[in-house]
PDB file of N, CA and C in Angstrom:
ATOM      1  N   MET A   1       4.427  17.607 -13.279  1.00  0.00           N
ATOM      2  CA  MET A   1       3.525  17.664 -12.255  1.00  0.00           C
ATOM      3  C   MET A   1       2.091  18.132 -12.856  1.00  0.00           C
ATOM      4  N   ASP A   2       1.194  17.256 -12.476  1.00  0.00           N
ATOM      5  CA  ASP A   2      -0.421  17.581 -12.777  1.00  0.00           C
ATOM      6  C   ASP A   2      -0.922  18.259 -11.506  1.00  0.00           C
ATOM      7  N   LYS A   3      -0.933  19.585 -11.603  1.00  0.00           N
ATOM      8  CA  LYS A   3      -1.489  20.399 -10.456  1.00  0.00           C
ATOM      9  C   LYS A   3      -2.917  20.015 -10.008  1.00  0.00           C
ATOM     10  N   VAL A   4      -3.774  19.551 -10.887  1.00  0.00           N
ATOM     11  CA  VAL A   4      -5.117  19.260 -10.584  1.00  0.00           C
ATOM     12  C   VAL A   4      -5.155  17.939  -9.804  1.00  0.00           C
ATOM     13  N   ARG A   5      -4.252  17.075 -10.132  1.00  0.00           N
ATOM     14  CA  ARG A   5      -4.097  15.834  -9.473  1.00  0.00           C
ATOM     15  C   ARG A   5      -3.679  15.994  -8.103  1.00  0.00           C
ATOM     16  N   VAL A   6      -2.652  16.774  -8.018  1.00  0.00           N
ATOM     17  CA  VAL A   6      -2.073  17.046  -6.670  1.00  0.00           C
ATOM     18  C   VAL A   6      -3.073  17.881  -5.682  1.00  0.00           C
ATOM     19  N   ILE A   7      -3.847  18.735  -6.250  1.00  0.00           N
ATOM     20  CA  ILE A   7      -4.664  19.441  -5.392  1.00  0.00           C
ATOM     21  C   ILE A   7      -5.937  18.454  -4.993  1.00  0.00           C
ATOM     22  N   LYS A   8      -6.347  17.566  -5.849  1.00  0.00           N
ATOM     23  CA  LYS A   8      -7.398  16.703  -5.493  1.00  0.00           C
ATOM     24  C   LYS A   8      -6.959  15.733  -4.365  1.00  0.00           C
ATOM     25  N   ARG A   9      -5.682  15.320  -4.592  1.00  0.00           N
ATOM     26  CA  ARG A   9      -5.021  14.287  -3.547  1.00  0.00           C
ATOM     27  C   ARG A   9      -4.919  15.013  -2.242  1.00  0.00           C
ATOM     28  N   SER A  10      -4.493  16.291  -2.312  1.00  0.00           N
ATOM     29  CA  SER A  10      -4.378  17.067  -1.004  1.00  0.00           C
ATOM     30  C   SER A  10      -5.854  17.258  -0.245  1.00  0.00           C
ATOM     31  N   VAL A  11      -6.791  17.509  -1.073  1.00  0.00           N
ATOM     32  CA  VAL A  11      -8.062  17.649  -0.435  1.00  0.00           C
ATOM     33  C   VAL A  11      -8.587  16.090   0.146  1.00  0.00           C
ATOM     34  N   ARG A  12      -8.243  15.113  -0.705  1.00  0.00           N
ATOM     35  CA  ARG A  12      -8.553  13.751  -0.238  1.00  0.00           C
ATOM     36  C   ARG A  12      -7.985  13.473   0.985  1.00  0.00           C
ATOM     37  N   CYS A  13      -6.626  13.810   0.994  1.00  0.00           N
ATOM     38  CA  CYS A  13      -5.832  13.586   2.361  1.00  0.00           C
ATOM     39  C   CYS A  13      -6.504  14.313   3.513  1.00  0.00           C
ATOM     40  N   LEU A  14      -6.984  15.512   3.362  1.00  0.00           N
ATOM     41  CA  LEU A  14      -7.587  16.236   4.447  1.00  0.00           C
ATOM     42  C   LEU A  14      -9.001  15.489   4.798  1.00  0.00           C
ATOM     43  N   LEU A  15      -9.584  14.961   3.835  1.00  0.00           N
ATOM     44  CA  LEU A  15     -10.940  14.166   4.069  1.00  0.00           C
ATOM     45  C   LEU A  15     -10.722  13.019   4.936  1.00  0.00           C
ATOM     46  N   PHE A  16      -9.623  12.149   4.453  1.00  0.00           N
ATOM     47  CA  PHE A  16      -9.300  11.040   5.280  1.00  0.00           C
ATOM     48  C   PHE A  16      -8.538  11.356   6.651  1.00  0.00           C
ATOM     49  N   GLY A  17      -7.948  12.451   6.683  1.00  0.00           N
ATOM     50  CA  GLY A  17      -7.546  12.924   8.052  1.00  0.00           C
ATOM     51  C   GLY A  17      -8.671  13.105   8.981  1.00  0.00           C
ATOM     52  N   TRP A  18      -9.688  13.837   8.477  1.00  0.00           N
ATOM     53  CA  TRP A  18     -10.959  13.900   9.403  1.00  0.00           C
ATOM     54  C   TRP A  18     -11.443  12.539   9.661  1.00  0.00           C
ATOM     55  N   LEU A  19     -11.600  11.675   8.666  1.00  0.00           N
ATOM     56  CA  LEU A  19     -12.272  10.439   8.948  1.00  0.00           C
ATOM     57  C   LEU A  19     -11.457   9.596   9.883  1.00  0.00           C
ATOM     58  N   SER A  20     -10.099   9.866  10.038  1.00  0.00           N
ATOM     59  CA  SER A  20      -9.273   8.968  10.955  1.00  0.00           C
ATOM     60  C   SER A  20      -9.641   9.366  12.406  1.00  0.00           C
ATOM     61  N   LEU A  21     -10.407  10.359  12.609  1.00  0.00           N
ATOM     62  CA  LEU A  21     -10.740  10.768  13.936  1.00  0.00           C
ATOM     63  C   LEU A  21     -11.978   9.859  14.530  1.00  0.00           C
ATOM     64  N   ILE A  22     -12.541   9.157  13.668  1.00  0.00           N
ATOM     65  CA  ILE A  22     -13.634   8.341  14.028  1.00  0.00           C
ATOM     66  C   ILE A  22     -13.219   7.112  14.960  1.00  0.00           C
ATOM     67  N   PRO A  23     -13.796   6.956  16.108  1.00  0.00           N
ATOM     68  CA  PRO A  23     -13.306   5.897  17.128  1.00  0.00           C
ATOM     69  C   PRO A  23     -13.574   4.526  16.317  1.00  0.00           C
ATOM     70  N   LEU A  24     -12.533   3.664  16.466  1.00  0.00           N
ATOM     71  CA  LEU A  24     -12.543   2.172  16.075  1.00  0.00           C
ATOM     72  C   LEU A  24     -12.515   1.988  14.580  1.00  0.00           C
ATOM     73  N   LEU A  25     -13.057   2.966  13.855  1.00  0.00           N
ATOM     74  CA  LEU A  25     -12.994   2.871  12.306  1.00  0.00           C
ATOM     75  C   LEU A  25     -11.844   3.712  11.720  1.00  0.00           C
ATOM     76  N   GLY A  26     -11.336   4.580  12.529  1.00  0.00           N
ATOM     77  CA  GLY A  26     -10.435   5.613  11.709  1.00  0.00           C
ATOM     78  C   GLY A  26      -9.084   5.191  11.484  1.00  0.00           C
ATOM     79  N   LEU A  27      -8.597   3.939  11.787  1.00  0.00           N
ATOM     80  CA  LEU A  27      -7.231   3.437  11.546  1.00  0.00           C
ATOM     81  C   LEU A  27      -7.022   3.373  10.096  1.00  0.00           C
ATOM     82  N   VAL A  28      -7.876   2.732   9.309  1.00  0.00           N
ATOM     83  CA  VAL A  28      -7.681   2.511   7.864  1.00  0.00           C
ATOM     84  C   VAL A  28      -7.631   3.920   7.220  1.00  0.00           C
ATOM     85  N   PRO A  29      -8.647   4.866   7.463  1.00  0.00           N
ATOM     86  CA  PRO A  29      -8.509   6.255   6.895  1.00  0.00           C
ATOM     87  C   PRO A  29      -7.200   7.071   7.206  1.00  0.00           C
ATOM     88  N   ALA A  30      -6.701   6.648   8.384  1.00  0.00           N
ATOM     89  CA  ALA A  30      -5.523   7.230   8.921  1.00  0.00           C
ATOM     90  C   ALA A  30      -4.248   6.890   7.966  1.00  0.00           C
ATOM     91  N   PHE A  31      -4.225   5.419   7.788  1.00  0.00           N
ATOM     92  CA  PHE A  31      -3.193   5.104   6.770  1.00  0.00           C
ATOM     93  C   PHE A  31      -3.337   5.524   5.298  1.00  0.00           C
ATOM     94  N   ILE A  32      -4.568   5.698   4.914  1.00  0.00           N
ATOM     95  CA  ILE A  32      -4.802   6.254   3.551  1.00  0.00           C
ATOM     96  C   ILE A  32      -4.270   7.728   3.489  1.00  0.00           C
ATOM     97  N   ALA A  33      -4.565   8.488   4.655  1.00  0.00           N
ATOM     98  CA  ALA A  33      -4.258   9.929   4.726  1.00  0.00           C
ATOM     99  C   ALA A  33      -2.596   9.909   4.670  1.00  0.00           C
ATOM    100  N   LEU A  34      -2.041   9.134   5.442  1.00  0.00           N
ATOM    101  CA  LEU A  34      -0.535   9.193   5.442  1.00  0.00           C
ATOM    102  C   LEU A  34      -0.015   8.721   4.037  1.00  0.00           C
ATOM    103  N   HIS A  35      -0.702   7.855   3.321  1.00  0.00           N
ATOM    104  CA  HIS A  35       0.040   7.502   2.075  1.00  0.00           C
ATOM    105  C   HIS A  35      -0.397   8.684   1.021  1.00  0.00           C
ATOM    106  N   LEU A  36      -1.563   9.295   1.165  1.00  0.00           N
ATOM    107  CA  LEU A  36      -1.879  10.431   0.249  1.00  0.00           C
ATOM    108  C   LEU A  36      -0.873  11.576   0.557  1.00  0.00           C
ATOM    109  N   HIS A  37      -0.527  11.924   1.629  1.00  0.00           N
ATOM    110  CA  HIS A  37       0.305  12.989   2.061  1.00  0.00           C
ATOM    111  C   HIS A  37       1.651  12.507   1.452  1.00  0.00           C
ATOM    112  N   ARG A  38       2.206  11.351   1.668  1.00  0.00           N
ATOM    113  CA  ARG A  38       3.465  11.072   1.102  1.00  0.00           C
ATOM    114  C   ARG A  38       3.510  11.242  -0.478  1.00  0.00           C
ATOM    115  N   SER A  39       2.436  10.760  -1.146  1.00  0.00           N
ATOM    116  CA  SER A  39       2.498  10.777  -2.612  1.00  0.00           C
ATOM    117  C   SER A  39       2.406  12.140  -3.030  1.00  0.00           C
ATOM    118  N   VAL A  40       1.565  13.066  -2.256  1.00  0.00           N
ATOM    119  CA  VAL A  40       1.403  14.576  -2.717  1.00  0.00           C
ATOM    120  C   VAL A  40       2.871  15.209  -2.535  1.00  0.00           C
ATOM    121  N   ARG A  41       3.527  14.893  -1.480  1.00  0.00           N
ATOM    122  CA  ARG A  41       4.917  15.516  -1.374  1.00  0.00           C
ATOM    123  C   ARG A  41       5.882  15.017  -2.340  1.00  0.00           C
ATOM    124  N   ARG A  42       5.801  13.768  -2.690  1.00  0.00           N
ATOM    125  CA  ARG A  42       6.648  13.215  -3.702  1.00  0.00           C
ATOM    126  C   ARG A  42       6.371  13.795  -5.124  1.00  0.00           C
ATOM    127  N   GLU A  43       5.016  13.756  -5.429  1.00  0.00           N
ATOM    128  CA  GLU A  43       4.736  14.381  -6.735  1.00  0.00           C
ATOM    129  C   GLU A  43       4.907  15.830  -6.893  1.00  0.00           C
ATOM    130  N   ALA A  44       4.651  16.599  -5.916  1.00  0.00           N
ATOM    131  CA  ALA A  44       4.770  18.143  -5.954  1.00  0.00           C
ATOM    132  C   ALA A  44       6.144  18.544  -5.418  1.00  0.00           C
ATOM    133  N   ASP A  45       7.072  17.704  -5.302  1.00  0.00           N
ATOM    134  CA  ASP A  45       8.479  17.762  -4.788  1.00  0.00           C
ATOM    135  C   ASP A  45       8.850  19.190  -4.605  1.00  0.00           C
ATOM    136  N   SER A  46       9.393  19.939  -5.563  1.00  0.00           N
ATOM    137  CA  SER A  46       9.866  21.268  -5.237  1.00  0.00           C
ATOM    138  C   SER A  46       8.835  22.353  -5.816  1.00  0.00           C
ATOM    139  N   GLU A  47       7.792  22.044  -6.412  1.00  0.00           N
ATOM    140  CA  GLU A  47       6.971  23.030  -6.918  1.00  0.00           C
ATOM    141  C   GLU A  47       5.852  23.478  -5.964  1.00  0.00           C
ATOM    142  N   TRP A  48       5.309  24.612  -6.221  1.00  0.00           N
ATOM    143  CA  TRP A  48       4.287  25.139  -5.411  1.00  0.00           C
ATOM    144  C   TRP A  48       3.073  24.252  -5.406  1.00  0.00           C
ATOM    145  N   ASN A  49       2.512  23.960  -4.306  1.00  0.00           N
ATOM    146  CA  ASN A  49       1.190  23.272  -4.172  1.00  0.00           C
ATOM    147  C   ASN A  49       0.281  24.075  -3.562  1.00  0.00           C
ATOM    148  N   PRO A  50      -0.751  24.661  -4.193  1.00  0.00           N
ATOM    149  CA  PRO A  50      -1.727  25.581  -3.562  1.00  0.00           C
ATOM    150  C   PRO A  50      -2.605  24.852  -2.540  1.00  0.00           C
ATOM    151  N   ALA A  51      -2.605  23.717  -2.420  1.00  0.00           N
ATOM    152  CA  ALA A  51      -3.345  23.027  -1.420  1.00  0.00           C
ATOM    153  C   ALA A  51      -2.537  22.157  -0.569  1.00  0.00           C
ATOM    154  N   ALA A  52      -1.236  22.661  -0.252  1.00  0.00           N
ATOM    155  CA  ALA A  52      -0.253  21.985   0.649  1.00  0.00           C
ATOM    156  C   ALA A  52      -0.811  21.912   1.967  1.00  0.00           C
ATOM    157  N   SER A  53      -1.445  23.091   2.498  1.00  0.00           N
ATOM    158  CA  SER A  53      -2.028  23.129   3.744  1.00  0.00           C
ATOM    159  C   SER A  53      -3.088  22.034   4.070  1.00  0.00           C
ATOM    160  N   TYR A  54      -3.845  21.579   3.000  1.00  0.00           N
ATOM    161  CA  TYR A  54      -4.861  20.650   3.273  1.00  0.00           C
ATOM    162  C   TYR A  54      -4.158  19.329   3.366  1.00  0.00           C
ATOM    163  N   ALA A  55      -3.007  19.056   2.730  1.00  0.00           N
ATOM    164  CA  ALA A  55      -2.260  17.714   2.909  1.00  0.00           C
ATOM    165  C   ALA A  55      -1.658  17.760   4.287  1.00  0.00           C
ATOM    166  N   ARG A  56      -1.097  18.963   4.582  1.00  0.00           N
ATOM    167  CA  ARG A  56      -0.365  19.033   5.857  1.00  0.00           C
ATOM    168  C   ARG A  56      -1.324  18.807   7.112  1.00  0.00           C
ATOM    169  N   TRP A  57      -2.567  19.385   6.968  1.00  0.00           N
ATOM    170  CA  TRP A  57      -3.658  19.213   8.068  1.00  0.00           C
ATOM    171  C   TRP A  57      -4.094  17.766   8.047  1.00  0.00           C
ATOM    172  N   GLY A  58      -4.170  17.238   6.930  1.00  0.00           N
ATOM    173  CA  GLY A  58      -4.628  15.668   6.745  1.00  0.00           C
ATOM    174  C   GLY A  58      -3.618  14.788   7.352  1.00  0.00           C
ATOM    175  N   PHE A  59      -2.314  15.071   7.229  1.00  0.00           N
ATOM    176  CA  PHE A  59      -1.251  14.492   7.876  1.00  0.00           C
ATOM    177  C   PHE A  59      -1.408  14.501   9.372  1.00  0.00           C
ATOM    178  N   VAL A  60      -1.522  15.687   9.966  1.00  0.00           N
ATOM    179  CA  VAL A  60      -1.596  15.948  11.450  1.00  0.00           C
ATOM    180  C   VAL A  60      -2.858  15.278  11.927  1.00  0.00           C
ATOM    181  N   LEU A  61      -4.025  15.407  11.295  1.00  0.00           N
ATOM    182  CA  LEU A  61      -5.300  14.676  11.796  1.00  0.00           C
ATOM    183  C   LEU A  61      -5.123  13.197  11.754  1.00  0.00           C
ATOM    184  N   ALA A  62      -4.359  12.630  10.788  1.00  0.00           N
ATOM    185  CA  ALA A  62      -4.177  11.184  10.818  1.00  0.00           C
ATOM    186  C   ALA A  62      -3.187  10.692  11.928  1.00  0.00           C
ATOM    187  N   LEU A  63      -2.325  11.590  12.203  1.00  0.00           N
ATOM    188  CA  LEU A  63      -1.382  11.185  13.414  1.00  0.00           C
ATOM    189  C   LEU A  63      -2.211  11.335  14.653  1.00  0.00           C
ATOM    190  N   ILE A  64      -3.086  12.301  14.837  1.00  0.00           N
ATOM    191  CA  ILE A  64      -3.995  12.456  16.040  1.00  0.00           C
ATOM    192  C   ILE A  64      -4.822  11.240  16.108  1.00  0.00           C
ATOM    193  N   GLY A  65      -5.501  11.022  15.006  1.00  0.00           N
ATOM    194  CA  GLY A  65      -6.424   9.760  14.987  1.00  0.00           C
ATOM    195  C   GLY A  65      -5.672   8.475  15.145  1.00  0.00           C
ATOM    196  N   MET A  66      -4.502   8.299  14.856  1.00  0.00           N
ATOM    197  CA  MET A  66      -3.680   7.121  15.130  1.00  0.00           C
ATOM    198  C   MET A  66      -3.254   7.010  16.617  1.00  0.00           C
ATOM    199  N   ALA A  67      -2.861   8.220  17.238  1.00  0.00           N
ATOM    200  CA  ALA A  67      -2.570   8.263  18.603  1.00  0.00           C
ATOM    201  C   ALA A  67      -3.845   8.109  19.387  1.00  0.00           C
ATOM    202  N   GLY A  68      -4.861   8.501  19.076  1.00  0.00           N
ATOM    203  CA  GLY A  68      -6.115   8.216  19.749  1.00  0.00           C
ATOM    204  C   GLY A  68      -6.556   6.794  19.782  1.00  0.00           C
ATOM    205  N   TRP A  69      -6.331   6.230  18.579  1.00  0.00           N
ATOM    206  CA  TRP A  69      -6.797   4.738  18.527  1.00  0.00           C
ATOM    207  C   TRP A  69      -5.691   3.913  19.393  1.00  0.00           C
ATOM    208  N   LEU A  70      -4.486   4.233  19.480  1.00  0.00           N
ATOM    209  CA  LEU A  70      -3.449   3.591  20.161  1.00  0.00           C
ATOM    210  C   LEU A  70      -3.810   3.705  21.546  1.00  0.00           C
ATOM    211  N   ALA A  71      -4.139   5.006  22.088  1.00  0.00           N
ATOM    212  CA  ALA A  71      -4.415   5.183  23.385  1.00  0.00           C
ATOM    213  C   ALA A  71      -5.743   4.512  23.875  1.00  0.00           C
ATOM    214  N   GLY A  72      -6.563   4.465  22.978  1.00  0.00           N
ATOM    215  CA  GLY A  72      -7.907   3.641  23.319  1.00  0.00           C
ATOM    216  C   GLY A  72      -7.584   2.195  23.492  1.00  0.00           C
ATOM    217  N   CYS A  73      -6.803   1.704  22.541  1.00  0.00           N
ATOM    218  CA  CYS A  73      -6.464   0.180  22.674  1.00  0.00           C
ATOM    219  C   CYS A  73      -5.669  -0.120  23.865  1.00  0.00           C
ATOM    220  N   THR A  74      -4.733   0.781  24.247  1.00  0.00           N
ATOM    221  CA  THR A  74      -3.919   0.608  25.413  1.00  0.00           C
ATOM    222  C   THR A  74      -4.714   0.746  26.651  1.00  0.00           C
ATOM    223  N   GLY A  75      -5.777   1.666  26.672  1.00  0.00           N
ATOM    224  CA  GLY A  75      -6.660   1.760  27.882  1.00  0.00           C
ATOM    225  C   GLY A  75      -7.566   0.549  27.849  1.00  0.00           C
ATOM    226  N   ALA A  76      -7.973   0.045  26.769  1.00  0.00           N
ATOM    227  CA  ALA A  76      -8.868  -1.189  26.872  1.00  0.00           C
ATOM    228  C   ALA A  76      -8.080  -2.354  27.290  1.00  0.00           C
ATOM    229  N   PHE A  77      -6.859  -2.497  26.973  1.00  0.00           N
ATOM    230  CA  PHE A  77      -5.949  -3.610  27.253  1.00  0.00           C
ATOM    231  C   PHE A  77      -5.586  -3.511  28.728  1.00  0.00           C
ATOM    232  N   MET A  78      -5.496  -2.365  29.241  1.00  0.00           N
ATOM    233  CA  MET A  78      -5.223  -2.156  30.732  1.00  0.00           C
ATOM    234  C   MET A  78      -6.443  -2.646  31.604  1.00  0.00           C
ATOM    235  N   VAL A  79      -7.646  -2.191  31.079  1.00  0.00           N
ATOM    236  CA  VAL A  79      -8.706  -2.603  31.805  1.00  0.00           C
ATOM    237  C   VAL A  79      -8.875  -4.127  31.784  1.00  0.00           C
ATOM    238  N   VAL A  80      -8.671  -4.721  30.654  1.00  0.00           N
ATOM    239  CA  VAL A  80      -8.864  -6.134  30.580  1.00  0.00           C
ATOM    240  C   VAL A  80      -7.767  -6.866  31.599  1.00  0.00           C
ATOM    241  N   LEU A  81      -6.647  -6.397  31.736  1.00  0.00           N
ATOM    242  CA  LEU A  81      -5.607  -6.913  32.498  1.00  0.00           C
ATOM    243  C   LEU A  81      -5.957  -6.771  33.966  1.00  0.00           C
ATOM    244  N   GLN A  82      -6.616  -5.596  34.314  1.00  0.00           N
ATOM    245  CA  GLN A  82      -7.027  -5.348  35.628  1.00  0.00           C
ATOM    246  C   GLN A  82      -8.103  -6.313  36.117  1.00  0.00           C
ATOM    247  N   ASN A  83      -8.931  -6.590  35.171  1.00  0.00           N
ATOM    248  CA  ASN A  83     -10.099  -7.633  35.417  1.00  0.00           C
ATOM    249  C   ASN A  83      -9.601  -9.005  35.498  1.00  0.00           C
ATOM    250  N   ILE A  84      -8.334  -9.252  34.907  1.00  0.00           N
ATOM    251  CA  ILE A  84      -8.037 -10.626  34.879  1.00  0.00           C
ATOM    252  C   ILE A  84      -7.327 -10.887  36.228  1.00  0.00           C
ATOM    253  N   PHE A  85      -6.329  -9.927  36.526  1.00  0.00           N
ATOM    254  CA  PHE A  85      -5.645 -10.114  37.891  1.00  0.00           C
ATOM    255  C   PHE A  85      -6.286  -9.310  38.989  1.00  0.00           C
TER     256      PHE A  85
END
């Protein structure tokens, strides 16, 4: 395991997690954050990762961003349906 690489990916996961909270544009960074979280967990498998909390928070923020995006799309879809009928 390359610790520097794992730490950099963990920090990048947190960054993309924050970017996933941007309305309308946050879906792509959310998927990137989820991918980075998975790769960090796979690469650091059982060894100690000093930046594990960054990867964890990036994962959580990505999930929140995706849930917000889904809620926004659902709300917009409901408004369109109400206007049609």
